[in-house]
Amino acid sequence: MKVNYDAKTDTLTVVFRDVPVAESDEDKPGVILDYDAAGNIVSIEVLDASRRVEEPRTVTLETVG
């Protein structure tokens, strides 16, 4: 999994799998879900991230179990 914040475009992207995107859907305004050809989620993009996400430049990874 990769997490990237692009300050120039103010976009936060979380990539779950490194495969080609076949389809994108704006689930909610400013939240784009990307899917592969089989319909599996590939990534999530958050537009205007500095307004929607607390500290988009900082990533904290938590594991459970």
Foldseek 3Di string as FASTA:
>chain_A
DDWDADPVQRKIKDFDDPDDFDDWDQPDVQWIWTAHPVGHTGMIMGGNNVVVDDPSVDDDDDDDD
